[in-house]
Amino acid sequence: MLRSRKVIVISAVLLAIVLAVIAYMMIAMAPPSDLDLSRSRTTAKGLFAVEIAPENPAFERNALHSWIVTVKTPGGEPVEDAQISVDGGMPQHGHGLPTAPRVTAPLGEGRYRIEGVRFNMSGWWEFKLHVKAAAGEDDVTFNLSL
């Protein structure tokens, strides 16, 4: 009888610890309240103005989808023949994108289609682009919250 009571108490303490850790992780993993979710940004060195948009605005988590990236000069002229590489991940989880998205088609007027994007869980994601064109190479990071 005493042994079973001891097992129940130990189990209850362990359960409380697990629940406390889960609650802490949920609070600590919340995206920063001041997270900039804009989809238009200037690259780090100011070489390009970049805009991103999902090709289908109703994209779903855990499904492959495409994004349209528009690259312009700071003066608003379309940047043609750019090479764009994609990276990113979840900063709070310490992992990258679950797929290897890439540019599959230039669409003209500085627009490029990126395919193979998938966000496999809810939370704060970073979508990082490296742009290489006649003006030079530059990087831009977009924050997404799913």
N, C-alpha and C. Protein backbone atom coordinates (compact mmCIF):
# COMPACT_ATOMS: atom_id res chain seq x y z
N MET A 1 0.82 -1.18 0.00
CA MET A 1 0.00 0.00 0.00
C MET A 1 0.87 1.25 0.00
N LEU A 2 1.88 1.26 0.88
CA LEU A 2 2.78 2.40 0.98
C LEU A 2 3.56 2.58 -0.32
N ARG A 3 3.95 1.46 -0.91
CA ARG A 3 4.72 1.53 -2.16
C ARG A 3 3.88 2.11 -3.30
N SER A 4 2.64 1.72 -3.42
CA SER A 4 1.78 2.25 -4.49
C SER A 4 1.51 3.74 -4.28
N ARG A 5 1.40 4.17 -3.03
CA ARG A 5 1.21 5.60 -2.76
C ARG A 5 2.46 6.38 -3.18
N LYS A 6 3.63 5.80 -2.93
CA LYS A 6 4.89 6.45 -3.29
C LYS A 6 4.99 6.56 -4.82
N VAL A 7 4.58 5.54 -5.54
CA VAL A 7 4.59 5.56 -7.00
C VAL A 7 3.64 6.63 -7.53
N ILE A 8 2.48 6.76 -6.91
CA ILE A 8 1.50 7.77 -7.33
C ILE A 8 2.07 9.18 -7.10
N VAL A 9 2.69 9.40 -5.95
CA VAL A 9 3.26 10.72 -5.65
C VAL A 9 4.39 11.04 -6.63
N ILE A 10 5.27 10.11 -6.87
CA ILE A 10 6.38 10.33 -7.81
C ILE A 10 5.83 10.59 -9.21
N SER A 11 4.84 9.85 -9.62
CA SER A 11 4.22 10.04 -10.94
C SER A 11 3.59 11.42 -11.05
N ALA A 12 2.92 11.85 -9.99
CA ALA A 12 2.29 13.17 -10.00
C ALA A 12 3.33 14.28 -10.08
N VAL A 13 4.43 14.13 -9.37
CA VAL A 13 5.51 15.13 -9.41
C VAL A 13 6.13 15.18 -10.80
N LEU A 14 6.39 14.02 -11.38
CA LEU A 14 6.96 13.98 -12.73
C LEU A 14 6.00 14.60 -13.75
N LEU A 15 4.73 14.32 -13.64
CA LEU A 15 3.73 14.91 -14.53
C LEU A 15 3.71 16.43 -14.38
N ALA A 16 3.78 16.92 -13.16
CA ALA A 16 3.79 18.36 -12.92
C ALA A 16 5.02 19.00 -13.56
N ILE A 17 6.16 18.34 -13.45
CA ILE A 17 7.39 18.86 -14.06
C ILE A 17 7.25 18.90 -15.58
N VAL A 18 6.75 17.83 -16.16
CA VAL A 18 6.57 17.79 -17.61
C VAL A 18 5.62 18.88 -18.07
N LEU A 19 4.51 19.07 -17.38
CA LEU A 19 3.55 20.11 -17.74
C LEU A 19 4.15 21.50 -17.59
N ALA A 20 4.96 21.71 -16.57
CA ALA A 20 5.63 23.00 -16.38
C ALA A 20 6.61 23.28 -17.52
N VAL A 21 7.36 22.28 -17.93
CA VAL A 21 8.30 22.43 -19.04
C VAL A 21 7.55 22.75 -20.33
N ILE A 22 6.47 22.05 -20.60
CA ILE A 22 5.66 22.30 -21.80
C ILE A 22 5.10 23.72 -21.77
N ALA A 23 4.58 24.15 -20.64
CA ALA A 23 4.03 25.51 -20.52
C ALA A 23 5.13 26.54 -20.75
N TYR A 24 6.30 26.33 -20.18
CA TYR A 24 7.41 27.25 -20.37
C TYR A 24 7.81 27.32 -21.85
N MET A 25 7.89 26.17 -22.50
CA MET A 25 8.27 26.15 -23.91
C MET A 25 7.25 26.89 -24.76
N MET A 26 5.97 26.75 -24.45
CA MET A 26 4.93 27.43 -25.22
C MET A 26 5.06 28.94 -25.06
N ILE A 27 5.38 29.40 -23.87
CA ILE A 27 5.54 30.83 -23.63
C ILE A 27 6.85 31.32 -24.26
N ALA A 28 7.93 30.59 -24.04
CA ALA A 28 9.24 31.01 -24.53
C ALA A 28 9.32 30.94 -26.05
N MET A 29 8.57 30.06 -26.68
CA MET A 29 8.64 29.89 -28.12
C MET A 29 7.71 30.82 -28.89
N ALA A 30 6.96 31.64 -28.19
CA ALA A 30 6.09 32.58 -28.89
C ALA A 30 6.96 33.57 -29.66
N PRO A 31 6.56 33.91 -30.88
CA PRO A 31 7.34 34.89 -31.64
C PRO A 31 7.41 36.21 -30.87
N PRO A 32 8.47 36.98 -31.06
CA PRO A 32 8.55 38.29 -30.41
C PRO A 32 7.33 39.14 -30.78
N SER A 33 6.84 39.91 -29.85
CA SER A 33 5.63 40.70 -30.10
C SER A 33 5.86 41.80 -31.12
N ASP A 34 7.10 42.23 -31.30
CA ASP A 34 7.40 43.30 -32.24
C ASP A 34 7.98 42.77 -33.56
N LEU A 35 7.71 41.53 -33.87
CA LEU A 35 8.24 40.89 -35.08
C LEU A 35 7.72 41.61 -36.33
N ASP A 36 8.63 42.03 -37.19
CA ASP A 36 8.27 42.71 -38.44
C ASP A 36 7.87 41.66 -39.46
N LEU A 37 6.59 41.63 -39.80
CA LEU A 37 6.07 40.64 -40.74
C LEU A 37 5.85 41.21 -42.14
N SER A 38 6.47 42.34 -42.42
CA SER A 38 6.28 42.95 -43.74
C SER A 38 6.85 42.04 -44.82
N ARG A 39 6.23 42.09 -45.97
CA ARG A 39 6.65 41.24 -47.08
C ARG A 39 7.40 42.03 -48.14
N SER A 40 7.75 43.26 -47.82
CA SER A 40 8.59 44.10 -48.68
C SER A 40 9.73 44.64 -47.83
N ARG A 41 10.95 44.47 -48.33
CA ARG A 41 12.13 44.91 -47.57
C ARG A 41 13.25 45.32 -48.51
N THR A 42 14.13 46.13 -47.98
CA THR A 42 15.37 46.45 -48.67
C THR A 42 16.41 45.47 -48.17
N THR A 43 17.29 45.02 -49.07
CA THR A 43 18.32 44.08 -48.68
C THR A 43 19.31 44.74 -47.71
N ALA A 44 20.12 43.92 -47.06
CA ALA A 44 21.01 44.38 -45.99
C ALA A 44 21.93 45.52 -46.42
N LYS A 45 22.49 45.46 -47.62
CA LYS A 45 23.39 46.51 -48.11
C LYS A 45 22.65 47.59 -48.89
N GLY A 46 21.35 47.42 -49.05
CA GLY A 46 20.56 48.41 -49.76
C GLY A 46 20.63 48.31 -51.27
N LEU A 47 21.12 47.17 -51.81
CA LEU A 47 21.26 47.03 -53.26
C LEU A 47 19.93 46.76 -53.96
N PHE A 48 19.00 46.13 -53.26
CA PHE A 48 17.74 45.72 -53.90
C PHE A 48 16.55 45.98 -52.98
N ALA A 49 15.41 46.17 -53.61
CA ALA A 49 14.13 46.20 -52.90
C ALA A 49 13.44 44.89 -53.27
N VAL A 50 13.09 44.10 -52.28
CA VAL A 50 12.56 42.76 -52.52
C VAL A 50 11.18 42.63 -51.89
N GLU A 51 10.30 41.96 -52.61
CA GLU A 51 8.95 41.69 -52.11
C GLU A 51 8.66 40.20 -52.31
N ILE A 52 8.00 39.60 -51.34
CA ILE A 52 7.60 38.19 -51.46
C ILE A 52 6.10 38.08 -51.29
N ALA A 53 5.53 37.07 -51.94
CA ALA A 53 4.10 36.79 -51.78
C ALA A 53 3.86 35.33 -52.15
N PRO A 54 3.03 34.63 -51.37
CA PRO A 54 2.69 33.27 -51.78
C PRO A 54 1.90 33.33 -53.08
N GLU A 55 2.19 32.41 -53.99
CA GLU A 55 1.47 32.42 -55.26
C GLU A 55 -0.03 32.20 -55.03
N ASN A 56 -0.34 31.35 -54.07
CA ASN A 56 -1.73 31.14 -53.66
C ASN A 56 -1.85 31.69 -52.24
N PRO A 57 -2.54 32.82 -52.06
CA PRO A 57 -2.62 33.41 -50.72
C PRO A 57 -3.19 32.48 -49.64
N ALA A 58 -3.90 31.44 -50.04
CA ALA A 58 -4.48 30.51 -49.08
C ALA A 58 -3.58 29.29 -48.86
N PHE A 59 -2.26 29.47 -48.95
CA PHE A 59 -1.38 28.31 -48.78
C PHE A 59 -1.56 27.69 -47.40
N GLU A 60 -1.30 26.40 -47.34
CA GLU A 60 -1.51 25.66 -46.09
C GLU A 60 -0.19 25.17 -45.53
N ARG A 61 -0.17 25.06 -44.22
CA ARG A 61 0.98 24.46 -43.53
C ARG A 61 1.06 23.00 -43.94
N ASN A 62 2.27 22.49 -44.09
CA ASN A 62 2.54 21.09 -44.42
C ASN A 62 2.23 20.72 -45.86
N ALA A 63 2.02 21.70 -46.72
CA ALA A 63 1.79 21.43 -48.14
C ALA A 63 2.84 22.20 -48.94
N LEU A 64 3.27 21.64 -50.06
CA LEU A 64 4.21 22.36 -50.92
C LEU A 64 3.48 23.51 -51.60
N HIS A 65 4.14 24.65 -51.66
CA HIS A 65 3.57 25.80 -52.34
C HIS A 65 4.67 26.64 -52.97
N SER A 66 4.27 27.62 -53.76
CA SER A 66 5.20 28.49 -54.48
C SER A 66 5.06 29.92 -53.99
N TRP A 67 6.15 30.65 -54.10
CA TRP A 67 6.17 32.06 -53.75
C TRP A 67 6.67 32.85 -54.95
N ILE A 68 6.20 34.07 -55.08
CA ILE A 68 6.69 34.97 -56.10
C ILE A 68 7.56 36.01 -55.41
N VAL A 69 8.79 36.14 -55.91
CA VAL A 69 9.73 37.12 -55.38
C VAL A 69 9.92 38.19 -56.45
N THR A 70 9.79 39.42 -56.05
CA THR A 70 10.00 40.54 -56.96
C THR A 70 11.24 41.29 -56.49
N VAL A 71 12.20 41.46 -57.41
CA VAL A 71 13.45 42.14 -57.09
C VAL A 71 13.54 43.40 -57.95
N LYS A 72 13.75 44.52 -57.29
CA LYS A 72 13.89 45.80 -57.99
C LYS A 72 15.11 46.54 -57.47
N THR A 73 15.53 47.53 -58.22
CA THR A 73 16.59 48.42 -57.74
C THR A 73 15.97 49.33 -56.69
N PRO A 74 16.79 50.02 -55.91
CA PRO A 74 16.21 50.96 -54.95
C PRO A 74 15.34 52.04 -55.63
N GLY A 75 15.61 52.31 -56.91
CA GLY A 75 14.83 53.29 -57.65
C GLY A 75 13.56 52.72 -58.26
N GLY A 76 13.33 51.41 -58.09
CA GLY A 76 12.10 50.80 -58.57
C GLY A 76 12.17 50.11 -59.92
N GLU A 77 13.36 50.00 -60.50
CA GLU A 77 13.50 49.31 -61.79
C GLU A 77 13.60 47.80 -61.56
N PRO A 78 12.90 46.99 -62.36
CA PRO A 78 12.98 45.54 -62.21
C PRO A 78 14.40 45.02 -62.42
N VAL A 79 14.80 44.05 -61.63
CA VAL A 79 16.11 43.42 -61.77
C VAL A 79 15.92 42.10 -62.50
N GLU A 80 16.43 42.05 -63.71
CA GLU A 80 16.33 40.83 -64.52
C GLU A 80 17.61 40.00 -64.36
N ASP A 81 17.51 38.73 -64.68
CA ASP A 81 18.65 37.81 -64.66
C ASP A 81 19.33 37.70 -63.30
N ALA A 82 18.57 37.84 -62.25
CA ALA A 82 19.13 37.66 -60.90
C ALA A 82 19.23 36.18 -60.58
N GLN A 83 20.20 35.85 -59.78
CA GLN A 83 20.32 34.51 -59.22
C GLN A 83 19.89 34.63 -57.77
N ILE A 84 18.94 33.81 -57.39
CA ILE A 84 18.38 33.89 -56.04
C ILE A 84 18.47 32.52 -55.38
N SER A 85 19.07 32.49 -54.20
CA SER A 85 19.07 31.25 -53.43
C SER A 85 18.21 31.46 -52.19
N VAL A 86 17.65 30.35 -51.71
CA VAL A 86 16.68 30.39 -50.61
C VAL A 86 17.20 29.59 -49.42
N ASP A 87 17.01 30.14 -48.25
CA ASP A 87 17.35 29.46 -47.01
C ASP A 87 16.32 29.91 -45.97
N GLY A 88 16.50 29.47 -44.77
CA GLY A 88 15.59 29.88 -43.70
C GLY A 88 15.40 28.80 -42.68
N GLY A 89 14.40 28.98 -41.86
CA GLY A 89 14.12 28.02 -40.82
C GLY A 89 13.39 28.67 -39.67
N MET A 90 13.38 27.97 -38.55
CA MET A 90 12.72 28.45 -37.35
C MET A 90 13.78 28.81 -36.31
N PRO A 91 14.03 30.11 -36.12
CA PRO A 91 15.11 30.52 -35.21
C PRO A 91 14.95 30.00 -33.80
N GLN A 92 13.74 29.90 -33.30
CA GLN A 92 13.55 29.46 -31.93
C GLN A 92 13.68 27.95 -31.78
N HIS A 93 13.58 27.23 -32.87
CA HIS A 93 13.69 25.78 -32.80
C HIS A 93 15.07 25.30 -33.24
N GLY A 94 15.83 26.17 -33.89
CA GLY A 94 17.18 25.81 -34.31
C GLY A 94 17.24 24.87 -35.50
N HIS A 95 16.22 24.89 -36.36
CA HIS A 95 16.28 24.04 -37.55
C HIS A 95 15.93 24.85 -38.79
N GLY A 96 16.36 24.35 -39.92
CA GLY A 96 16.13 25.02 -41.19
C GLY A 96 14.81 24.63 -41.82
N LEU A 97 14.69 25.00 -43.09
CA LEU A 97 13.49 24.63 -43.84
C LEU A 97 13.47 23.12 -44.05
N PRO A 98 12.30 22.51 -44.06
CA PRO A 98 12.22 21.06 -44.25
C PRO A 98 12.38 20.64 -45.71
N THR A 99 12.42 21.60 -46.63
CA THR A 99 12.59 21.31 -48.05
C THR A 99 13.72 22.18 -48.57
N ALA A 100 14.02 22.05 -49.86
CA ALA A 100 15.07 22.84 -50.50
C ALA A 100 14.46 23.68 -51.62
N PRO A 101 13.75 24.77 -51.25
CA PRO A 101 13.11 25.58 -52.27
C PRO A 101 14.14 26.21 -53.20
N ARG A 102 13.70 26.46 -54.45
CA ARG A 102 14.60 27.08 -55.42
C ARG A 102 13.79 27.83 -56.46
N VAL A 103 14.47 28.76 -57.12
CA VAL A 103 13.84 29.49 -58.21
C VAL A 103 13.68 28.53 -59.38
N THR A 104 12.47 28.46 -59.91
CA THR A 104 12.22 27.56 -61.04
C THR A 104 11.89 28.31 -62.31
N ALA A 105 11.54 29.59 -62.19
CA ALA A 105 11.19 30.33 -63.41
C ALA A 105 11.29 31.83 -63.19
N PRO A 106 11.99 32.52 -64.10
CA PRO A 106 11.90 33.98 -64.11
C PRO A 106 10.58 34.34 -64.80
N LEU A 107 9.84 35.27 -64.24
CA LEU A 107 8.51 35.61 -64.76
C LEU A 107 8.50 36.97 -65.46
N GLY A 108 9.65 37.62 -65.54
CA GLY A 108 9.73 38.94 -66.15
C GLY A 108 9.40 40.03 -65.16
N GLU A 109 9.79 41.24 -65.50
CA GLU A 109 9.55 42.42 -64.66
C GLU A 109 10.13 42.26 -63.26
N GLY A 110 11.25 41.54 -63.16
CA GLY A 110 11.92 41.36 -61.86
C GLY A 110 11.26 40.34 -60.96
N ARG A 111 10.33 39.56 -61.51
CA ARG A 111 9.62 38.56 -60.71
C ARG A 111 10.18 37.16 -60.97
N TYR A 112 10.23 36.36 -59.90
CA TYR A 112 10.77 35.00 -59.97
C TYR A 112 9.87 34.08 -59.15
N ARG A 113 9.64 32.88 -59.66
CA ARG A 113 8.84 31.88 -58.92
C ARG A 113 9.79 30.98 -58.14
N ILE A 114 9.51 30.84 -56.86
CA ILE A 114 10.24 29.90 -56.00
C ILE A 114 9.28 28.77 -55.68
N GLU A 115 9.70 27.55 -55.98
CA GLU A 115 8.86 26.38 -55.72
C GLU A 115 9.53 25.47 -54.69
N GLY A 116 8.71 24.62 -54.10
CA GLY A 116 9.22 23.65 -53.13
C GLY A 116 9.25 24.18 -51.71
N VAL A 117 8.45 25.20 -51.43
CA VAL A 117 8.40 25.77 -50.08
C VAL A 117 7.38 24.98 -49.26
N ARG A 118 7.79 24.63 -48.06
CA ARG A 118 6.86 23.96 -47.14
C ARG A 118 7.23 24.36 -45.72
N PHE A 119 6.24 24.77 -44.98
CA PHE A 119 6.40 25.07 -43.57
C PHE A 119 5.65 23.97 -42.83
N ASN A 120 6.38 23.14 -42.09
CA ASN A 120 5.79 21.94 -41.52
C ASN A 120 5.21 22.11 -40.12
N MET A 121 5.27 23.32 -39.57
CA MET A 121 4.66 23.53 -38.26
C MET A 121 4.33 25.00 -38.08
N SER A 122 3.47 25.27 -37.14
CA SER A 122 3.11 26.65 -36.83
C SER A 122 4.24 27.31 -36.07
N GLY A 123 4.31 28.62 -36.17
CA GLY A 123 5.32 29.36 -35.43
C GLY A 123 6.01 30.40 -36.29
N TRP A 124 7.13 30.89 -35.78
CA TRP A 124 7.92 31.93 -36.43
C TRP A 124 8.94 31.29 -37.37
N TRP A 125 8.84 31.66 -38.63
CA TRP A 125 9.77 31.21 -39.65
C TRP A 125 10.55 32.38 -40.22
N GLU A 126 11.79 32.14 -40.59
CA GLU A 126 12.56 33.11 -41.36
C GLU A 126 12.69 32.56 -42.78
N PHE A 127 12.49 33.44 -43.75
CA PHE A 127 12.60 33.11 -45.17
C PHE A 127 13.71 34.00 -45.69
N LYS A 128 14.88 33.40 -45.96
CA LYS A 128 16.08 34.16 -46.31
C LYS A 128 16.39 34.01 -47.80
N LEU A 129 16.68 35.14 -48.43
CA LEU A 129 17.02 35.15 -49.84
C LEU A 129 18.39 35.79 -50.03
N HIS A 130 19.18 35.17 -50.88
CA HIS A 130 20.46 35.74 -51.30
C HIS A 130 20.31 36.10 -52.77
N VAL A 131 20.48 37.37 -53.09
CA VAL A 131 20.27 37.85 -54.46
C VAL A 131 21.62 38.25 -55.04
N LYS A 132 21.88 37.74 -56.25
CA LYS A 132 23.10 38.07 -56.98
C LYS A 132 22.67 38.58 -58.35
N ALA A 133 23.07 39.82 -58.67
CA ALA A 133 22.72 40.43 -59.95
C ALA A 133 23.83 41.40 -60.34
N ALA A 134 23.62 42.13 -61.41
CA ALA A 134 24.65 43.05 -61.91
C ALA A 134 25.10 44.06 -60.85
N ALA A 135 24.20 44.49 -59.97
CA ALA A 135 24.54 45.48 -58.93
C ALA A 135 25.39 44.88 -57.81
N GLY A 136 25.45 43.55 -57.70
CA GLY A 136 26.21 42.89 -56.64
C GLY A 136 25.40 41.80 -55.96
N GLU A 137 25.87 41.42 -54.79
CA GLU A 137 25.21 40.37 -54.01
C GLU A 137 24.72 40.96 -52.70
N ASP A 138 23.53 40.53 -52.28
CA ASP A 138 22.96 41.06 -51.04
C ASP A 138 21.97 40.04 -50.47
N ASP A 139 21.65 40.22 -49.22
CA ASP A 139 20.76 39.30 -48.51
C ASP A 139 19.57 40.04 -47.90
N VAL A 140 18.49 39.30 -47.77
CA VAL A 140 17.31 39.83 -47.11
C VAL A 140 16.61 38.69 -46.37
N THR A 141 16.08 39.00 -45.20
CA THR A 141 15.37 38.00 -44.39
C THR A 141 13.97 38.51 -44.11
N PHE A 142 13.00 37.65 -44.37
CA PHE A 142 11.60 37.94 -44.08
C PHE A 142 11.15 37.07 -42.92
N ASN A 143 10.34 37.64 -42.04
CA ASN A 143 9.74 36.91 -40.94
C ASN A 143 8.32 36.50 -41.32
N LEU A 144 8.00 35.26 -41.08
CA LEU A 144 6.65 34.76 -41.33
C LEU A 144 6.14 34.12 -40.05
N SER A 145 4.88 34.33 -39.76
CA SER A 145 4.29 33.71 -38.57
C SER A 145 3.10 32.89 -39.03
N LEU A 146 3.19 31.58 -38.83
CA LEU A 146 2.11 30.68 -39.26
C LEU A 146 1.37 30.15 -38.04
